[in-house]
Amino acid sequence: MASCRTIGRATTENGGTAGNWLDGFAVCASSLCTLHCIGLPLLFALLPALATRVDPGETFHIVMLAIAIPTSLVALRGGRRRHGKRLPLFFGLSGLLAMSIGALLVEGALHEAAWTLTGSALLAGAHILNWRSTRTKTVSS
């Protein structure tokens, strides 16, 4: 699987566009989201004193969603124009929808994490598929 660094470097070396760079950024952001959703509760369980001092609150999720939506839409729509495949866009929109449901509509930490992690995984997969499709199209052209 490609790392965040590999995605960004490979696309710029192949004459990639800003959309390719955005795919790399989005994969890294999805990875950080997963780390946040899984790692923060584990850290709080191990260090209860930290839980009383650190509370990212709901604003954090809204800000992350506000970053994810335009970044992903620009990258996935640009990829669709370059390689012509609809699957990355479908997975990306599904992931954004799941993340939105988790951040805005669901009550309870477990349900919120489940929706958000599912959306994050779909979105990361969409960006990796988008990057690979664009890279394959660039190399074969």
Foldseek 3Di string as FASTA:
>chain_A
DDALVRQQVVQVVLVHDVLSNLLSVLLVLLVVLLCCLPVPVVVCVVPVVVVVVDDPPLVVLVVSLVVNVVSLVVNLVVLCVQQVDCVLVVLLVQLSVLSCCLSPPDDDSVSSSVSNNSSSVSNNVSSVVSSVSNSVSSVVD
